[in-house]
Protein backbone atom coordinates (compact mmCIF):
# COMPACT_ATOMS: atom_id res chain seq x y z
CA MET A 1 271.56 159.18 239.94
CA ARG A 2 268.00 160.48 239.91
CA VAL A 3 265.63 160.23 242.86
CA SER A 4 261.95 160.74 243.24
CA ARG A 5 260.48 163.88 244.55
CA SER A 6 258.60 162.46 247.50
CA ALA A 7 258.24 158.83 248.86
CA GLY A 8 255.04 157.41 247.73
CA VAL A 9 254.27 160.16 245.25
CA PRO A 10 254.97 158.82 241.81
CA GLY A 11 255.76 161.21 238.87
CA PRO A 12 258.53 162.55 236.58
CA GLU A 13 262.03 162.66 238.04
CA LEU A 14 264.27 165.61 238.99
CA PRO A 15 267.99 165.93 239.10
CA ASP A 16 269.61 165.31 242.59
CA CYS A 17 270.54 168.96 242.93
CA TRP A 18 266.91 170.02 242.97
CA VAL A 19 265.64 167.42 245.60
CA ILE A 20 266.25 167.11 249.45
CA PRO A 21 265.83 163.48 250.51
CA GLN A 22 262.55 162.85 252.25
CA SER A 23 264.03 162.18 255.48
CA SER A 24 265.82 165.38 255.78
CA ARG A 25 263.45 167.67 253.59
CA PRO A 26 262.01 170.37 255.97
CA ILE A 27 258.33 171.26 255.69
CA ALA A 28 257.22 174.70 256.53
CA SER A 29 254.68 174.72 259.35
CA PRO A 30 251.80 177.21 259.60
CA ALA A 31 252.61 180.88 259.99
CA THR A 32 256.48 180.19 259.86
CA PRO A 33 258.15 183.61 260.00
CA ARG A 34 261.29 182.40 258.36
CA ALA A 35 259.43 180.86 255.33
CA VAL A 36 257.18 183.84 254.99
CA PHE A 37 260.14 186.18 255.01
CA THR A 38 262.19 184.03 252.84
CA LEU A 39 259.49 183.76 250.15
CA PHE A 40 259.05 187.66 250.40
CA VAL A 41 262.68 188.16 249.79
CA ILE A 42 262.70 185.57 246.70
CA VAL A 43 259.68 187.12 245.10
CA PHE A 44 261.13 190.51 245.81
CA LEU A 45 264.31 189.84 244.03
CA ASP A 46 262.77 188.08 241.14
CA LEU A 47 260.36 191.15 240.59
CA ILE A 48 263.09 193.60 240.62
CA GLY A 49 264.66 191.73 237.79
CA PHE A 50 261.24 191.77 235.85
CA GLY A 51 260.77 195.52 236.67
CA MET A 52 264.26 196.59 235.41
CA ILE A 53 263.18 195.53 232.02
CA ILE A 54 259.88 197.48 231.83
CA PRO A 55 261.26 201.12 231.33
CA VAL A 56 264.00 199.97 228.67
CA PHE A 57 262.25 197.31 226.66
CA PRO A 58 260.45 199.61 224.35
CA PHE A 59 263.80 201.34 223.53
CA TYR A 60 265.77 197.89 223.28
CA ALA A 61 262.99 196.66 220.88
CA GLU A 62 263.36 199.57 218.55
CA ARG A 63 267.10 199.18 218.68
CA VAL A 64 266.95 195.58 217.25
CA GLY A 65 264.69 196.76 214.49
CA VAL A 66 261.16 196.29 216.02
CA ALA A 67 258.72 198.86 214.70
CA PRO A 68 257.28 201.38 217.53
CA SER A 69 253.87 200.26 216.41
CA THR A 70 254.43 196.54 217.36
CA VAL A 71 256.38 196.95 220.54
CA ILE A 72 253.14 196.57 222.50
CA PHE A 73 252.66 193.35 220.75
CA PHE A 74 255.94 192.09 221.85
CA LEU A 75 254.96 193.06 225.46
CA GLY A 76 251.96 190.81 224.94
CA LEU A 77 254.26 187.77 224.22
CA TYR A 78 255.40 187.83 227.82
CA SER A 79 251.73 187.49 228.93
CA ALA A 80 251.15 184.79 226.49
CA GLY A 81 253.72 182.70 227.88
CA GLN A 82 252.58 183.39 231.38
CA LEU A 83 249.11 182.29 230.33
CA VAL A 84 250.45 178.81 229.53
CA GLY A 85 252.98 178.57 232.48
CA ALA A 86 250.67 179.80 235.26
CA PRO A 87 248.30 176.79 235.27
CA LEU A 88 250.90 174.31 234.32
CA TRP A 89 253.33 175.20 237.29
CA GLY A 90 250.31 175.52 239.64
CA SER A 91 248.96 171.97 238.99
CA LEU A 92 252.45 170.45 238.97
CA SER A 93 253.29 171.90 242.34
CA ASP A 94 249.99 170.33 243.74
CA ARG A 95 251.50 166.96 242.75
CA ILE A 96 255.34 167.27 243.31
CA GLY A 97 255.70 170.17 245.76
CA ARG A 98 256.21 173.95 245.36
CA ARG A 99 259.98 173.95 246.04
CA PRO A 100 261.19 172.05 242.94
CA VAL A 101 258.76 174.30 240.55
CA LEU A 102 260.30 177.40 242.18
CA LEU A 103 263.67 176.36 241.70
CA ALA A 104 263.17 175.17 237.95
CA THR A 105 261.50 178.36 236.83
CA LEU A 106 263.87 180.70 238.50
CA LEU A 107 266.69 179.20 236.46
CA ALA A 108 264.44 179.57 233.42
CA ASN A 109 263.85 183.34 234.17
CA ALA A 110 267.63 183.71 234.32
CA ALA A 111 268.08 182.04 231.21
CA SER A 112 265.53 184.41 229.33
CA ALA A 113 267.14 187.42 230.62
CA PHE A 114 270.50 186.34 229.37
CA MET A 115 268.84 185.80 225.89
CA LEU A 116 267.42 189.11 226.13
CA ALA A 117 270.79 190.68 226.73
CA GLU A 118 272.18 188.98 223.49
CA SER A 119 269.28 189.51 221.42
CA ASP A 120 270.02 191.21 218.13
CA THR A 121 266.83 190.18 216.06
CA GLY A 122 263.13 190.49 216.54
CA LEU A 123 262.89 186.69 216.68
CA THR A 124 265.32 186.15 219.56
CA LEU A 125 263.61 189.19 221.38
CA ALA A 126 260.35 187.37 220.96
CA LEU A 127 261.77 184.05 222.15
CA SER A 128 263.29 185.74 225.41
CA ARG A 129 259.90 187.33 226.38
CA ILE A 130 258.01 184.08 225.71
CA ILE A 131 260.48 182.06 227.90
CA ALA A 132 260.27 184.84 230.66
CA GLY A 133 256.51 184.72 230.72
CA LEU A 134 256.48 180.92 230.81
CA ALA A 135 258.93 181.16 233.89
CA ALA A 136 256.75 184.04 235.44
CA GLY A 137 253.84 181.61 235.61
CA ASN A 138 255.75 180.48 239.08
CA ILE A 139 253.79 183.27 240.63
CA SER A 140 250.89 180.81 241.09
CA THR A 141 253.20 178.47 243.02
CA ALA A 142 254.33 181.29 245.25
CA TYR A 143 250.85 182.31 246.07
CA ALA A 144 250.09 178.67 246.67
CA TYR A 145 252.87 178.45 249.02
CA THR A 146 251.64 181.30 251.06
CA THR A 147 248.16 179.79 251.48
CA ASP A 148 249.86 176.51 252.37
CA ILE A 149 251.34 177.98 255.53
CA THR A 150 248.64 180.38 256.48
CA THR A 151 245.18 180.09 258.06
CA ASP A 152 242.00 181.95 256.92
CA ALA A 153 242.73 184.56 259.58
CA THR A 154 246.45 185.08 258.72
CA ARG A 155 246.06 184.74 254.93
CA PRO A 156 244.99 188.24 253.95
CA LYS A 157 248.07 189.71 255.67
CA ALA A 158 250.36 187.18 254.29
CA LEU A 159 249.10 187.76 250.67
CA GLY A 160 249.32 191.38 251.11
CA LEU A 161 253.05 191.00 252.21
CA LEU A 162 253.73 188.83 249.13
CA GLY A 163 251.90 191.49 247.18
CA SER A 164 253.98 194.14 248.70
CA ALA A 165 257.04 192.09 247.27
CA PHE A 166 255.71 192.88 243.80
CA GLY A 167 255.22 196.59 244.77
CA MET A 168 258.84 196.82 246.06
CA GLY A 169 260.02 195.18 243.08
CA PHE A 170 258.34 197.75 241.04
CA ILE A 171 259.80 200.43 243.26
CA LEU A 172 263.59 199.46 242.81
CA GLY A 173 263.26 197.37 239.53
CA PRO A 174 262.34 200.19 236.93
CA ALA A 175 264.38 202.83 238.94
CA LEU A 176 267.45 200.55 238.88
CA GLY A 177 266.68 199.69 235.03
CA GLY A 178 266.52 203.34 234.31
CA LEU A 179 269.62 204.21 236.05
CA LEU A 180 271.59 201.41 234.62
CA ALA A 181 270.38 202.32 230.96
CA GLY A 182 270.81 206.01 231.64
CA GLY A 183 269.28 208.82 229.48
CA ASN A 184 270.83 207.60 226.12
CA ALA A 185 268.20 205.39 224.53
CA ASP A 186 270.50 204.47 221.74
CA ASP A 187 273.20 203.11 223.93
CA GLY A 188 272.98 199.55 223.37
CA SER A 189 275.59 198.44 226.07
CA SER A 190 273.74 200.08 228.67
CA LEU A 191 270.40 198.34 227.73
CA GLY A 192 272.31 195.06 227.76
CA ARG A 193 273.67 195.77 231.29
CA VAL A 194 270.11 196.00 232.47
CA ALA A 195 269.19 192.54 231.22
CA MET A 196 272.31 190.90 232.76
CA GLY A 197 271.48 192.59 235.97
CA ALA A 198 268.03 190.96 235.77
CA ALA A 199 269.40 187.65 235.19
CA ALA A 200 271.87 187.94 238.15
CA LEU A 201 268.92 188.66 240.48
CA SER A 202 267.11 185.67 239.31
CA LEU A 203 270.18 183.49 240.21
CA VAL A 204 270.27 185.03 243.53
CA ALA A 205 266.79 184.13 244.11
CA PHE A 206 267.51 180.65 242.91
CA VAL A 207 270.29 180.11 245.50
CA LEU A 208 268.13 181.58 248.25
CA THR A 209 265.43 179.05 247.45
CA PHE A 210 267.67 176.21 247.33
CA VAL A 211 269.40 177.13 250.64
CA ARG A 212 266.68 178.75 252.83
CA LEU A 213 263.17 177.78 251.59
CA PRO A 214 261.74 174.62 252.82
CA GLU A 215 258.79 172.62 251.19
CA SER A 216 255.26 173.73 252.26
CA LEU A 217 253.22 170.98 250.89
CA PRO A 218 253.71 167.64 252.57
CA PRO A 219 253.13 164.54 250.55
CA GLU A 220 249.98 163.54 252.12
CA LYS A 221 248.17 166.71 251.16
CA ARG A 222 249.46 166.43 247.39
CA ARG A 223 247.43 165.51 244.58
CA GLN A 224 248.16 161.85 243.86
CA LYS A 225 249.10 160.69 240.39
CA HIS A 226 245.69 158.72 240.08
CA THR A 227 243.61 161.85 240.76
CA LYS A 228 242.67 163.48 237.49
CA ARG A 229 244.08 167.13 237.09
CA ALA A 230 241.08 169.49 237.00
CA GLY A 231 241.02 171.55 233.70
CA PHE A 232 240.21 175.35 233.49
CA GLY A 233 236.64 174.20 232.60
CA VAL A 234 236.07 172.56 235.84
CA TYR A 235 236.85 175.75 237.65
CA LEU A 236 234.54 177.79 235.31
CA ALA A 237 231.80 175.44 236.23
CA ARG A 238 231.78 176.68 239.59
CA PRO A 239 229.54 180.02 239.38
CA THR A 240 231.30 182.06 242.18
CA LEU A 241 234.81 181.18 240.91
CA ARG A 242 233.81 181.78 237.41
CA GLY A 243 232.75 185.23 238.19
CA LEU A 244 236.03 185.90 240.10
CA LEU A 245 238.00 184.42 237.08
CA LEU A 246 236.20 186.63 234.54
CA ALA A 247 236.53 189.80 236.81
CA THR A 248 240.24 189.03 236.95
CA VAL A 249 240.70 188.89 233.07
CA ILE A 250 238.50 192.21 232.55
CA VAL A 251 240.43 194.15 235.44
CA VAL A 252 243.91 192.96 234.74
CA ALA A 253 243.24 193.61 230.86
CA ALA A 254 242.51 197.24 231.89
CA VAL A 255 245.82 197.52 233.85
CA ALA A 256 247.61 196.11 230.94
CA LEU A 257 246.39 198.83 228.83
CA PHE A 258 247.97 201.19 231.16
CA GLN A 259 251.17 199.20 231.38
CA SER A 260 251.67 198.73 227.76
CA THR A 261 251.01 202.32 226.84
CA MET A 262 252.54 204.37 229.58
CA ALA A 263 256.11 204.44 228.25
CA LEU A 264 254.99 205.73 224.76
CA PHE A 265 252.35 208.21 226.26
CA GLY A 266 255.01 209.57 228.48
CA ALA A 267 257.38 210.09 225.87
CA GLU A 268 254.96 211.75 223.56
CA ARG A 269 253.03 213.82 225.86
CA LEU A 270 255.61 214.82 228.48
CA GLY A 271 259.10 213.98 226.82
CA ILE A 272 259.67 211.41 229.45
CA GLY A 273 262.74 209.11 228.86
CA PRO A 274 263.87 205.71 230.42
CA ARG A 275 265.35 207.10 233.48
CA THR A 276 262.40 209.44 234.53
CA LEU A 277 259.95 206.65 233.54
CA GLY A 278 261.69 204.32 235.86
CA TRP A 279 261.12 206.83 238.67
CA ILE A 280 257.57 207.04 237.86
CA TYR A 281 257.12 203.37 238.08
CA GLY A 282 258.81 203.43 241.48
CA PHE A 283 256.45 206.12 242.67
CA VAL A 284 253.64 203.77 241.95
CA GLY A 285 255.40 201.03 243.65
CA VAL A 286 255.81 202.90 246.94
CA ILE A 287 251.97 203.49 246.91
CA SER A 288 251.35 199.86 246.22
CA VAL A 289 253.80 198.76 249.33
CA ALA A 290 252.38 201.39 251.62
CA VAL A 291 248.75 199.89 251.22
CA GLN A 292 249.69 196.22 250.98
CA ALA A 293 252.38 195.90 253.62
CA GLY A 294 250.93 198.43 255.87
CA ILE A 295 247.07 198.53 255.94
CA ILE A 296 245.74 195.63 253.93
CA GLY A 297 245.08 193.17 256.66
CA LYS A 298 243.34 195.67 258.77
CA LEU A 299 241.08 196.85 255.92
CA THR A 300 240.44 193.45 255.05
CA THR A 301 239.34 192.51 258.71
CA ARG A 302 237.08 195.64 258.54
CA PHE A 303 235.56 195.42 255.10
CA GLY A 304 236.12 192.03 253.87
CA PRO A 305 238.10 191.04 250.55
CA GLN A 306 235.06 191.39 248.32
CA ARG A 307 234.38 195.16 249.00
CA LEU A 308 238.15 195.80 248.85
CA THR A 309 238.20 193.96 245.44
CA ARG A 310 235.31 196.29 244.18
CA ALA A 311 236.99 199.38 245.62
CA GLY A 312 240.19 198.44 243.87
CA ALA A 313 238.49 198.19 240.33
CA VAL A 314 236.79 201.50 240.88
CA LEU A 315 239.94 203.44 241.80
CA ILE A 316 241.96 201.88 239.05
CA ALA A 317 239.26 203.21 236.80
CA ILE A 318 239.48 206.65 238.25
CA GLY A 319 243.12 206.88 237.93
CA MET A 320 243.35 205.53 234.33
CA ALA A 321 240.64 208.11 233.38
CA GLY A 322 242.58 211.01 234.74
CA ILE A 323 245.89 210.08 232.95
CA PRO A 324 244.92 211.39 229.41
CA LEU A 325 244.29 214.80 231.00
CA ALA A 326 247.88 215.13 232.29
CA GLN A 327 249.73 218.03 230.72
CA GLN A 328 252.39 218.09 233.50
CA LEU A 329 254.17 215.84 235.67
CA PRO A 330 252.36 216.60 239.09
CA TRP A 331 248.90 215.90 237.46
CA LEU A 332 250.28 212.46 236.15
CA LEU A 333 251.51 211.56 239.56
CA ALA A 334 248.34 212.32 241.33
CA THR A 335 246.32 209.94 238.92
CA LEU A 336 249.05 207.42 239.10
CA ALA A 337 248.70 207.44 243.11
CA VAL A 338 244.93 206.73 242.77
CA PHE A 339 245.62 204.08 240.25
CA GLY A 340 248.41 202.62 242.58
CA VAL A 341 245.91 202.30 245.48
CA GLY A 342 243.27 200.69 243.46
CA SER A 343 245.64 198.05 242.08
CA ALA A 344 247.31 197.42 245.76
CA LEU A 345 243.47 196.81 246.92
CA PHE A 346 242.51 194.59 244.07
CA ASN A 347 245.21 192.10 243.65
CA PRO A 348 245.76 190.61 247.24
CA SER A 349 241.95 190.64 247.84
CA MET A 350 241.06 188.96 244.64
CA SER A 351 243.67 186.22 245.13
CA GLY A 352 242.45 185.82 248.49
CA LEU A 353 238.91 185.16 247.59
CA VAL A 354 240.10 182.75 244.86
CA ALA A 355 242.32 180.89 247.16
CA GLY A 356 239.26 180.68 249.84
CA SER A 357 237.32 178.77 247.14
CA ALA A 358 240.04 176.00 246.95
CA ALA A 359 240.75 172.77 248.89
CA PRO A 360 244.36 172.30 249.89
CA HIS A 361 245.16 169.66 247.45
CA GLU A 362 243.72 171.84 244.46
CA ARG A 363 244.88 175.14 245.64
CA GLY A 364 247.91 175.40 243.39
CA GLY A 365 245.76 174.61 240.34
CA VAL A 366 243.06 177.07 241.27
CA LEU A 367 245.45 179.88 241.85
CA GLY A 368 247.15 178.71 238.50
CA ALA A 369 243.93 179.23 236.90
CA TYR A 370 243.71 182.57 238.56
CA GLN A 371 247.17 183.66 237.30
CA ALA A 372 246.27 182.32 233.89
CA ALA A 373 243.17 184.50 233.77
CA ALA A 374 245.29 187.47 234.76
CA SER A 375 247.78 186.53 232.02
CA LEU A 376 245.09 186.23 229.55
CA GLY A 377 244.18 189.85 230.53
CA ARG A 378 247.69 190.84 229.98
CA VAL A 379 247.62 189.25 226.54
CA ILE A 380 244.30 190.81 225.62
CA GLY A 381 245.28 194.44 227.16
CA PRO A 382 248.45 195.10 225.18
CA MET A 383 246.86 194.08 221.87
CA ALA A 384 243.81 196.06 222.49
CA ALA A 385 246.05 198.94 223.34
CA SER A 386 247.88 198.61 220.19
CA GLY A 387 244.69 198.65 218.10
CA VAL A 388 243.12 201.49 220.07
CA ALA A 389 246.44 203.54 219.95
CA GLN A 390 246.78 203.27 216.34
CA VAL A 391 243.09 204.34 215.65
CA ALA A 392 242.55 207.01 218.14
CA GLY A 393 246.03 207.96 219.54
CA LEU A 394 247.99 207.08 222.84
CA ALA A 395 245.56 208.85 225.13
CA TRP A 396 242.76 206.54 224.38
CA PRO A 397 243.79 203.36 225.66
CA PHE A 398 243.52 204.71 229.31
CA VAL A 399 239.79 205.77 228.40
CA VAL A 400 239.11 202.41 227.29
CA GLY A 401 240.87 200.66 230.25
CA ALA A 402 238.95 202.96 232.78
CA ALA A 403 235.62 201.63 231.18
CA VAL A 404 236.64 198.12 231.24
CA SER A 405 237.90 198.10 234.82
CA VAL A 406 234.20 199.18 235.89
CA LEU A 407 232.85 196.44 233.88
CA GLY A 408 234.67 194.06 235.92
CA LEU A 409 232.62 194.92 239.05
CA LEU A 410 229.65 193.03 237.62
CA PHE A 411 231.35 189.67 238.03
CA ILE A 412 232.19 190.21 241.74
CA THR A 413 228.94 188.91 242.88
CA SER A 414 229.39 186.93 246.22
CA THR A 415 231.94 185.74 248.61
CA PRO A 416 233.30 182.19 247.56
CA ARG A 417 232.92 178.99 249.68
CA MET A 418 235.30 176.26 249.58
CA ALA A 419 234.25 173.54 247.10
CA PRO A 420 234.00 169.96 248.58
CA PRO A 421 236.82 167.82 247.46
CA GLY A 422 236.12 166.20 244.06
CA GLN A 423 233.57 168.92 243.08
């Protein structure tokens, strides 16, 4: 038997196992500590799985026959999938609720990791990354869930906490992935164990979502079937929101230049292998968590999200500009610390600005557009890094990324105001 997702809200059907009957389905009330903490743990587990793949993927790709010069392109496929998935899941969650979308995408993420573990050709490797990217578009739904259960006053701290889940995922994920992979990049069985571990964590997050996470968007606040879904062009027509989305594309593209080049640069310049690279990513994660879980709320109250977003872009640029100068590990860690603080300031502050420009019934769609903009930056960044690295060497993507990050400041012009319904 198949049941509707919510009484009075028509739409596609879901299997019974994904749906709680309306009479018994809990709705998360504003500032519910259990719901906030549960969402934090779910995102944390899912991001650990994602982070585990980062330090081993370049070596995994080369093992199945992918040329080193095209590894960066394969990283971009993940972001291409996320570019499609983020607005899709965000808008769908506005109509059917956040919980069913999170359940479906967590299962898809686990499936993509299983596929990665079994990949033995470039084609299956590419498919696993595309599916993983599509599933990772659920981040827009997680952000929408957070804004559903918070107020304007409590939202910055909650978004910072959610952002710290990303940071903690990057602390333990790459470190755990590096430990599981070991120091031998030619050991295919150890690389496969990393992917299987990532799949297991996504399944744990799925179970936790099913058992512990209540729905956050009540039926009366959902976008009705007869309400036309706003496209990306509608959001770009709003001047302030357009500036925020463009700034997101630009700054995230700069960060993606760093992410897609760091492993290859570290191996060439400093002889860094998967295990050491995992610890380096973990170091950046510690910095991110310290900022987002500890002080982002107080900083937002004092300076406002607009100033913090700008400061984050500047610090990202400073950190990236210093990376090519690294000849030893201590200098590299110092520049990465600056980069980590900038990233920790930029992400939650920008998402708060974007969320503040949306009405409740369109928040998932707007945050989906924000995540799509970020994904577009993650598509552009690796492809640009690949071209720059082939022409000028592995140090130059960091220089280009620093300049691009500063360019993003031009589009953060004013504090957004929530658009009236229907605009």
